[in-house]
Amino acid sequence: MTSVVEVKDLTKTYRGGFQALKGVSFDIRRGETFALLGPNGAGKSTTIEILEGYRDRSSGEVRVLNVDPRNGDLRWRSRLGIVLQSTGEAPSASVRELLAHFASFYPRARNVDDVIEAVGLSEKAKTSVRKLSGGQRRRVDVALGIIGSPELLFLDEPTTGFDPEARRVFWELIRGLQREGTTILLTTHYLDEAAELSERAAIVVGGKLASLGPVGELGGVEARIPIVRWRQDGRIREERTEQPGRVVANLYAALGAEPEGLEIVRPSLEDVYLSFVENDDAAPEPGPDTENVTEVTR
């Protein structure tokens, strides 16, 4: 399967010696949704900014749509869709006016009304963006991200602040894009969202790639072994085992009754993720206030 994104041994070092990325490598295949996971300061934002062409790398190889992002021109950028975590002040233009304006920038723009319908804002098409709710404005953000028919869509924390119902509706929108064959790079702190939408994922911790693979296989086989947990003599006890039924039967036999607080835990993506990040003490990535710091050159 053709790779839309190729990253090999990517590093990024800022002035003062802070190394945000330490040899990260991964690829994103055409048509898949790939989740980039990690705690704040892990290197996700730096990685994405390099892929989008907004930040230079210190070393390593990067190809996005078969182009080195540092050499990306307007034609290359027109093939990308970017939905940032936060946007600026909402404009006074209506939803349709704003989308029509942005559609004029792209050579292969989608039909404006079709996009408005796709994001569920048909009834708000003539409404000023300023008058929309937070969730509705987020839909406008997504509409702006897909109006140019992008081959690759960056979604940075797309459902932050959404209530559970709004998140589910948003997921259906993303599934529609997936069915169309759009390649998506997703960053999110909602692990259920990553598990629901992504085929593969990478976990970045302290600037290094901690795990990479299909969502259901991250961390390897051992990370997915069930845990039998119970309370005995006032203490929480647990045993990781591939045969939880046998362990439970032995406990019944030994104690003559059901153990107190008995549960069988099958590790979820969140459990696997936390096993990688719980001991992470990496320094935070440079944020907006240090955007213009001098970078260490290659």
Protein backbone atom coordinates (compact mmCIF):
# COMPACT_ATOMS: atom_id res chain seq x y z
CA MET A 1 0.00 0.00 0.00
CA THR A 2 1.35 3.43 -0.98
CA SER A 3 2.62 5.58 1.91
CA VAL A 4 1.32 9.14 2.06
CA VAL A 5 3.65 10.05 4.95
CA GLU A 6 7.15 8.66 5.47
CA VAL A 7 9.18 9.64 8.54
CA LYS A 8 12.62 8.18 9.21
CA ASP A 9 14.93 8.99 12.14
CA LEU A 10 13.29 12.39 12.68
CA THR A 11 15.02 14.62 15.23
CA LYS A 12 14.40 18.16 16.40
CA THR A 13 16.63 20.12 18.77
CA TYR A 14 15.94 23.65 19.98
CA ARG A 15 18.37 26.24 21.28
CA GLY A 16 19.46 25.38 24.78
CA GLY A 17 19.80 21.72 23.90
CA PHE A 18 16.18 20.65 24.35
CA GLN A 19 15.62 17.67 22.07
CA ALA A 20 11.93 17.40 21.25
CA LEU A 21 12.31 14.44 18.87
CA LYS A 22 14.91 11.69 19.14
CA GLY A 23 14.86 9.53 16.03
CA VAL A 24 11.14 8.97 15.40
CA SER A 25 10.18 6.77 12.43
CA PHE A 26 6.76 5.80 11.07
CA ASP A 27 4.68 5.82 7.92
CA ILE A 28 1.05 6.49 7.11
CA ARG A 29 -0.56 4.49 4.33
CA ARG A 30 -2.92 5.92 1.77
CA GLY A 31 -6.51 5.85 2.96
CA GLU A 32 -5.83 4.92 6.59
CA THR A 33 -6.49 6.85 9.77
CA PHE A 34 -3.36 6.99 11.89
CA ALA A 35 -3.35 8.19 15.51
CA LEU A 36 -0.34 9.95 16.99
CA LEU A 37 -0.62 9.58 20.76
CA GLY A 38 1.39 10.84 23.68
CA PRO A 39 1.28 13.11 26.74
CA ASN A 40 1.78 16.86 26.56
CA GLY A 41 5.42 17.58 25.76
CA ALA A 42 6.01 14.20 24.12
CA GLY A 43 6.83 15.64 20.68
CA LYS A 44 3.49 15.32 18.89
CA SER A 45 3.07 19.00 18.06
CA THR A 46 6.63 19.31 16.79
CA THR A 47 6.15 16.24 14.60
CA ILE A 48 2.93 17.53 13.09
CA GLU A 49 4.33 21.00 12.45
CA ILE A 50 7.26 19.45 10.61
CA LEU A 51 4.92 17.30 8.51
CA GLU A 52 2.79 20.34 7.67
CA GLY A 53 5.87 22.31 6.63
CA TYR A 54 5.57 24.93 9.38
CA ARG A 55 8.69 23.91 11.32
CA ASP A 56 12.06 22.68 10.10
CA ARG A 57 13.66 19.49 11.37
CA SER A 58 17.17 19.07 12.72
CA SER A 59 17.81 15.76 10.95
CA GLY A 60 16.09 12.77 9.45
CA GLU A 61 14.01 12.16 6.36
CA VAL A 62 10.40 13.26 5.85
CA ARG A 63 8.15 12.84 2.82
CA VAL A 64 4.53 13.98 2.75
CA LEU A 65 2.61 13.24 -0.46
CA ASN A 66 6.02 12.41 -1.94
CA VAL A 67 7.36 15.91 -1.18
CA ASP A 68 9.83 17.08 1.47
CA PRO A 69 7.66 19.50 3.53
CA ARG A 70 10.47 22.07 3.72
CA ASN A 71 10.15 22.36 -0.09
CA GLY A 72 6.36 22.28 -0.24
CA ASP A 73 4.82 24.89 -2.54
CA LEU A 74 1.25 26.18 -2.81
CA ARG A 75 0.20 23.30 -5.03
CA TRP A 76 1.45 20.84 -2.40
CA ARG A 77 -0.29 22.72 0.41
CA SER A 78 -3.56 22.64 -1.53
CA ARG A 79 -3.50 18.85 -1.15
CA LEU A 80 -3.50 19.11 2.67
CA GLY A 81 -6.34 19.77 5.07
CA ILE A 82 -5.53 21.08 8.54
CA VAL A 83 -7.89 21.28 11.52
CA LEU A 84 -6.04 22.96 14.37
CA GLN A 85 -6.76 22.35 18.04
CA SER A 86 -7.94 25.92 18.45
CA THR A 87 -8.83 28.69 16.05
CA GLY A 88 -8.86 32.46 16.24
CA GLU A 89 -11.77 34.79 16.70
CA ALA A 90 -14.89 33.69 14.84
CA PRO A 91 -15.65 35.86 11.78
CA SER A 92 -18.89 37.73 11.23
CA ALA A 93 -19.38 36.05 7.85
CA SER A 94 -22.03 33.37 7.52
CA VAL A 95 -21.07 29.72 7.36
CA ARG A 96 -21.70 29.61 3.62
CA GLU A 97 -19.87 32.86 2.91
CA LEU A 98 -16.81 31.70 4.82
CA LEU A 99 -16.67 28.32 3.08
CA ALA A 100 -17.24 29.85 -0.35
CA HIS A 101 -14.35 32.23 0.30
CA PHE A 102 -11.99 29.42 1.26
CA ALA A 103 -13.19 27.20 -1.59
CA SER A 104 -11.95 29.82 -4.04
CA PHE A 105 -8.37 29.12 -2.90
CA TYR A 106 -8.34 25.49 -4.06
CA PRO A 107 -8.14 23.97 -7.54
CA ARG A 108 -10.29 20.96 -6.59
CA ALA A 109 -12.67 22.45 -4.05
CA ARG A 110 -15.72 20.51 -2.97
CA ASN A 111 -19.19 21.84 -3.51
CA VAL A 112 -19.83 24.29 -0.67
CA ASP A 113 -23.39 23.16 0.05
CA ASP A 114 -22.33 19.50 0.05
CA VAL A 115 -19.67 20.25 2.66
CA ILE A 116 -22.11 22.20 4.81
CA GLU A 117 -24.50 19.26 4.68
CA ALA A 118 -21.70 16.79 5.45
CA VAL A 119 -20.81 18.59 8.68
CA GLY A 120 -24.45 18.93 9.71
CA LEU A 121 -24.80 22.71 9.38
CA SER A 122 -27.36 23.04 6.59
CA GLU A 123 -29.80 24.80 8.93
CA LYS A 124 -27.04 27.22 9.97
CA ALA A 125 -25.68 27.98 6.50
CA LYS A 126 -26.82 31.62 6.60
CA THR A 127 -25.92 32.14 10.27
CA SER A 128 -22.90 34.19 11.31
CA VAL A 129 -20.12 31.96 12.57
CA ARG A 130 -19.90 34.19 15.67
CA LYS A 131 -23.41 33.13 16.65
CA LEU A 132 -22.72 29.41 16.53
CA SER A 133 -22.15 27.21 19.56
CA GLY A 134 -18.69 25.86 20.32
CA GLY A 135 -19.55 22.48 18.83
CA GLN A 136 -20.98 24.07 15.70
CA ARG A 137 -17.87 26.22 15.25
CA ARG A 138 -15.79 23.06 15.49
CA ARG A 139 -17.81 21.67 12.60
CA VAL A 140 -16.96 24.80 10.65
CA ASP A 141 -13.28 24.11 11.39
CA VAL A 142 -13.66 20.64 9.93
CA ALA A 143 -15.56 22.01 6.94
CA LEU A 144 -12.68 24.40 6.26
CA GLY A 145 -10.27 21.49 6.56
CA ILE A 146 -12.05 19.38 3.93
CA ILE A 147 -13.35 22.05 1.52
CA GLY A 148 -10.25 21.67 -0.66
CA SER A 149 -10.70 17.89 -1.11
CA PRO A 150 -7.46 17.12 0.76
CA GLU A 151 -5.60 13.90 0.16
CA LEU A 152 -4.23 14.13 3.71
CA LEU A 153 -6.19 15.60 6.62
CA PHE A 154 -4.55 16.62 9.91
CA LEU A 155 -6.96 16.52 12.87
CA ASP A 156 -5.41 18.00 16.02
CA GLU A 157 -7.52 17.26 19.12
CA PRO A 158 -10.70 17.63 17.02
CA THR A 159 -13.27 16.90 19.77
CA THR A 160 -11.78 18.76 22.73
CA GLY A 161 -14.67 20.28 24.65
CA PHE A 162 -17.34 18.18 22.93
CA ASP A 163 -20.03 16.48 24.98
CA PRO A 164 -20.37 12.69 24.45
CA GLU A 165 -23.23 13.02 21.97
CA ALA A 166 -21.39 15.62 19.88
CA ARG A 167 -18.30 13.41 19.82
CA ARG A 168 -20.31 10.48 18.44
CA VAL A 169 -21.79 12.67 15.72
CA PHE A 170 -18.31 13.91 14.85
CA TRP A 171 -17.04 10.34 14.62
CA GLU A 172 -19.68 9.59 12.00
CA LEU A 173 -18.42 12.56 9.98
CA ILE A 174 -14.88 11.18 10.13
CA ARG A 175 -16.10 7.75 9.06
CA GLY A 176 -17.67 9.38 6.02
CA LEU A 177 -14.28 10.85 5.10
CA GLN A 178 -12.67 7.46 5.64
CA ARG A 179 -15.12 5.85 3.25
CA GLU A 180 -14.14 8.45 0.65
CA GLY A 181 -10.51 7.36 0.99
CA THR A 182 -9.15 10.42 2.81
CA THR A 183 -5.92 9.75 4.69
CA ILE A 184 -6.15 11.14 8.23
CA LEU A 185 -3.54 11.88 10.88
CA LEU A 186 -5.32 12.18 14.23
CA THR A 187 -4.00 13.44 17.54
CA THR A 188 -6.25 13.05 20.55
CA HIS A 189 -6.13 12.59 24.31
CA TYR A 190 -9.34 10.53 24.14
CA LEU A 191 -8.06 6.98 23.86
CA ASP A 192 -11.51 5.61 23.05
CA GLU A 193 -11.60 8.01 20.11
CA ALA A 194 -8.26 6.71 18.83
CA ALA A 195 -9.42 3.12 19.25
CA GLU A 196 -12.72 3.84 17.50
CA LEU A 197 -11.37 5.72 14.48
CA SER A 198 -7.79 4.57 13.87
CA GLU A 199 -6.37 1.51 12.19
CA ARG A 200 -2.82 2.07 13.42
CA ALA A 201 -1.23 4.30 16.01
CA ALA A 202 2.11 5.47 17.36
CA ILE A 203 2.77 6.33 20.99
CA VAL A 204 5.45 8.98 21.43
CA VAL A 205 6.97 9.49 24.88
CA GLY A 206 9.81 11.88 25.66
CA GLY A 207 10.50 12.44 21.98
CA LYS A 208 10.93 8.73 21.27
CA LEU A 209 8.64 6.21 19.61
CA ALA A 210 7.46 3.93 22.41
CA SER A 211 5.14 1.72 20.36
CA LEU A 212 3.86 1.49 16.77
CA GLY A 213 1.34 -0.81 15.12
CA PRO A 214 -2.33 -1.73 14.77
CA VAL A 215 -4.36 -0.23 17.60
CA GLY A 216 -5.30 -3.64 18.99
CA GLU A 217 -1.66 -4.78 19.07
CA LEU A 218 0.14 -1.79 20.60
CA GLY A 219 2.51 -2.77 23.36
CA GLY A 220 2.80 -6.35 22.12
CA VAL A 221 1.13 -9.53 23.30
CA GLU A 222 2.29 -9.24 26.90
CA ALA A 223 0.62 -5.84 27.33
CA ARG A 224 -2.74 -7.43 26.45
CA ILE A 225 -2.59 -10.30 28.95
CA PRO A 226 -5.62 -10.12 31.32
CA ILE A 227 -5.20 -9.25 34.99
CA VAL A 228 -7.10 -10.99 37.79
CA ARG A 229 -7.51 -8.60 40.71
CA TRP A 230 -9.00 -9.19 44.15
CA ARG A 231 -8.80 -8.08 47.80
CA GLN A 232 -7.35 -10.40 50.41
CA ASP A 233 -6.26 -9.71 54.00
CA GLY A 234 -6.97 -6.02 53.46
CA ARG A 235 -4.67 -5.77 50.44
CA ILE A 236 -5.27 -5.53 46.72
CA ARG A 237 -3.68 -8.46 44.94
CA GLU A 238 -3.43 -9.16 41.25
CA GLU A 239 -2.06 -11.71 38.84
CA ARG A 240 -1.46 -11.26 35.12
CA THR A 241 -2.37 -14.48 33.34
CA GLU A 242 -3.44 -15.88 30.00
CA GLN A 243 -5.82 -18.22 31.87
CA PRO A 244 -7.89 -15.96 34.14
CA GLY A 245 -10.59 -18.61 34.54
CA ARG A 246 -8.15 -21.07 36.07
CA VAL A 247 -6.80 -18.43 38.48
CA VAL A 248 -10.34 -17.56 39.60
CA ALA A 249 -11.18 -21.25 40.11
CA ASN A 250 -8.05 -21.72 42.22
CA LEU A 251 -8.97 -18.70 44.33
CA TYR A 252 -12.44 -20.09 44.98
CA ALA A 253 -10.92 -23.42 45.99
CA ALA A 254 -8.34 -21.83 48.27
CA LEU A 255 -10.67 -19.33 49.97
CA GLY A 256 -13.86 -21.39 49.98
CA ALA A 257 -15.82 -18.39 48.69
CA GLU A 258 -15.74 -15.69 46.07
CA PRO A 259 -12.74 -13.40 46.66
CA GLU A 260 -13.65 -9.90 47.75
CA GLY A 261 -13.56 -7.31 44.95
CA LEU A 262 -12.85 -9.94 42.29
CA GLU A 263 -12.48 -8.61 38.77
CA ILE A 264 -10.87 -9.65 35.52
CA VAL A 265 -9.35 -6.71 33.68
CA ARG A 266 -8.58 -7.01 29.99
CA PRO A 267 -6.18 -4.15 29.20
CA SER A 268 -7.65 -1.51 26.91
CA LEU A 269 -5.77 0.91 24.68
CA GLU A 270 -5.85 3.34 27.61
CA ASP A 271 -4.21 0.79 29.91
CA VAL A 272 -1.49 0.10 27.35
CA TYR A 273 -0.98 3.82 26.75
CA LEU A 274 -0.68 4.58 30.46
CA SER A 275 1.88 1.81 30.88
CA PHE A 276 4.16 3.77 28.55
CA VAL A 277 3.57 7.29 29.84
CA GLU A 278 3.08 6.95 33.60
CA ASN A 279 6.80 7.34 34.28
CA ASP A 280 7.43 10.00 31.66
CA ASP A 281 8.98 13.17 33.05
CA ALA A 282 9.98 14.80 29.75
CA ALA A 283 10.18 18.58 29.58
CA PRO A 284 7.37 20.29 27.66
CA GLU A 285 7.80 21.16 24.02
CA PRO A 286 8.40 24.81 23.17
CA GLY A 287 4.99 26.39 22.73
CA PRO A 288 3.67 29.51 21.00
CA ASP A 289 5.64 31.82 23.30
CA THR A 290 8.91 30.34 22.01
CA GLU A 291 7.91 29.92 18.39
CA ASN A 292 10.72 32.18 17.21
CA VAL A 293 13.58 30.66 19.18
CA THR A 294 16.77 30.03 17.26
CA GLU A 295 16.86 26.43 16.07
CA VAL A 296 19.89 24.17 15.98
CA THR A 297 20.78 23.76 12.33
CA ARG A 298 21.48 20.48 10.60
